[in-house]
Amino acid sequence: MKKNGHSTPERKNGTVYTPEKLSQYVAKKLLEYALNDNLFRNLKKISVVDPASGDGILLKNVAENILQQKLLMGKKIIVVGTDIDQQAIIFCRKRLSLISNDRLNIELVNTNAFIPLKEYSLTKGWQGILKKVDVKKGFDLLIANPPWGADISEYKDKLNLSDFKTLQGQFDSFELFIELAIKIVKTGGYFGFIIPDSILNHGKSILRGILLKRTQICFIARLGEKIFPNVNRACVVIICKNTSPTEKNIVDCFRLSSKDRNKILNGMLTFTEAETTSAHKVPQERFIKNSYQRFDIDLKESETNILKKFKKFDKTLASVLSSTRGVELGRSGMICQCNNCSSWSPLSEQEKIICSSCGKEFNPTTAPKKSIISKDKIQLSVPFITGGNLRRYVGRPSLWIKLGVKGINYKPESTYKSPKILVRKTGVGITAILDYNDVYTNQVVYILKNIPEKEKNLEFFIGLINSRAYYFYLVKSFGELEWKSHPYLTQTQILSLPLPDMQSEKNKKIIQEIIELLRPILKKEIIPSNDVDIKVEILVGKLFSLNEKDYRIIFNAIEESDDLIPVMELKKITVSDIINKLKK
């Protein structure tokens, strides 16, 4: 996996070694699925490989687990590790030498897993390794915590697109290792990976499609951040059987809560214990049918009926709202001046900046700098609101931004004309306000407006966007239940939210009622009272035909979310408040 830093070999190769607790858990889990397979139990010998073996901790834990199994007594174990780092191979050899057992045959190779034998193709190279260890049809098991975000520029041109379908666009090195696993694990064998949770992101649909079409996914666990010390990336464990899926294949899924994660890190809980209380089952077919083959592992089967009520509508917010961003500038407002044309650009940590006016490169470190954002009103400035100023429904600008600075992309003045909805990009859930005051904002705030702009119903949409019903749909579809480093909401996610029928006479009355509840108080920049909040929530629920059972599930999902500010706002009313109001 990837490690923070700029000059270390680990940075280049994308490696950070696996913590012992996680290694033991993944090794045990991989073997658990394999042992449920009669064909695996009947093998005369068992071969296991780690193509990015590092210090050998995963191979050691798998080998020890196999040796401890009564069902596998007496079977020969072939352990193969490859790593591009010669020092890692030395560490791996030392670690594996601690296992004293004559059933073990260890073969470690200092090589690039994608070019194992330089003069041969990927396939022939691995065939050479398999032949050397007397494994004919591929490995029985593969386990890996492959490099995340490794720099492969030195050998990228030697890789074949026909071997790696993910080798395009903004790919990550871990994706290539997963494709490699499908090639070198025998049909019916099993592989397990520790990878970044970016596999769940919109942009990894090619990789998800490969796994869904070519393997039976056994297990997906979203473990979150802090599992790897000093590394601010969340991780996922995925285990697959290398065989074509069937319509009946079931995937064991679980998300490790932040509370359980802290207990594990403090030695008060094990991964297995946390899984026991949190796991649920999902048909693989559901992932296949999802748009972009999303792994919506937070959605339990018992909750799917609610999402069906949302998805029965063909239209989304994209059909009625436009979305753009504010000034292309950070919160500090720091800018630097091009030494060629004297235009200004947003200050960046990059070594070189390309001036948007003249196209020339310049060094921001030595360039003149200043801020065009101030706490006090300055000449030629207008009110400026940032994501930090936004709360649920209401937010007030606390800053001023100077206009007219050459080179700064302010966007057209019409962008900021009100009314408009402002949605905070960063954070968990949705934080949105309705602005009536033409305030400017920056690039980390999305600006939503009516299509066409002659429509005057943004009060309805702010009620919809801020509803607990929408929060439920969002977190169950995209899985952001807790804080992580750099969490953000995309414009695509917002605009893909389902739009209820706005044309029926019954729904028109509901929409108008929401508008009449919210417009008078929001124009005065007053936060809706709990009573108004409850009424709006129930009216939104009517648009999606939500019932008492649905509300209980929705509020339970809110309770399971981390107590961050947007979630705490939603917790100000309870499911009892909703149900009591429904019964009146």
Foldseek 3Di string as FASTA:
>chain_A
DAADDDDDVCNQQQDDDADLQVLLVQLVVQVVVLVVDPVSLPDQAAEEEEAACFLPSNVQNNVVVLCPDPSNPPHAYEYEYEHLDPVRQVNNVVVNVVDDDPSYHYYYYNANQCCQDVVDHNLVNLCVVCVVRVHHQAHQEYEYAGRWQHNPVVCLVVGDCVQQVQSDDPHIPVLSVVSVRLRHHGQQHKYKYKYFPCCQPLVNLVSLVCCLAFWQKAEKEWEQPPSRPNDFTTIMMTMTGGGGDDQARKYKYFYQAPVNSVCVVVVNDHPVRSSVVTIAIDGSVVLVPDVSSHPLRLDHPVQVVLVCLQPVFPAFLLVWKDKDFFWAEDPQQKWFADPPPRAIDHDDPDQWDQQPPPRDIDGRVPTDMDGQKAQDDDPQKFFEAELVQFAQAFGGGRMIGHPDGGRTCRDDLVLQADQWKKWAFWDAATTIYTDHDSHGYGGRIMIMATVVNVDDQVLLVSLLRLALSQRLNLCSRSPRQEDGPGHTDDPVSRRRGGDFDCPDPVLVVLSVVSCVLGVVQSVVRHDDDPVSNLSSNVSSCVSSVDDLVSLVVSQVSLVSGDPDRSSVVVVPDHSCVNVVVVVD
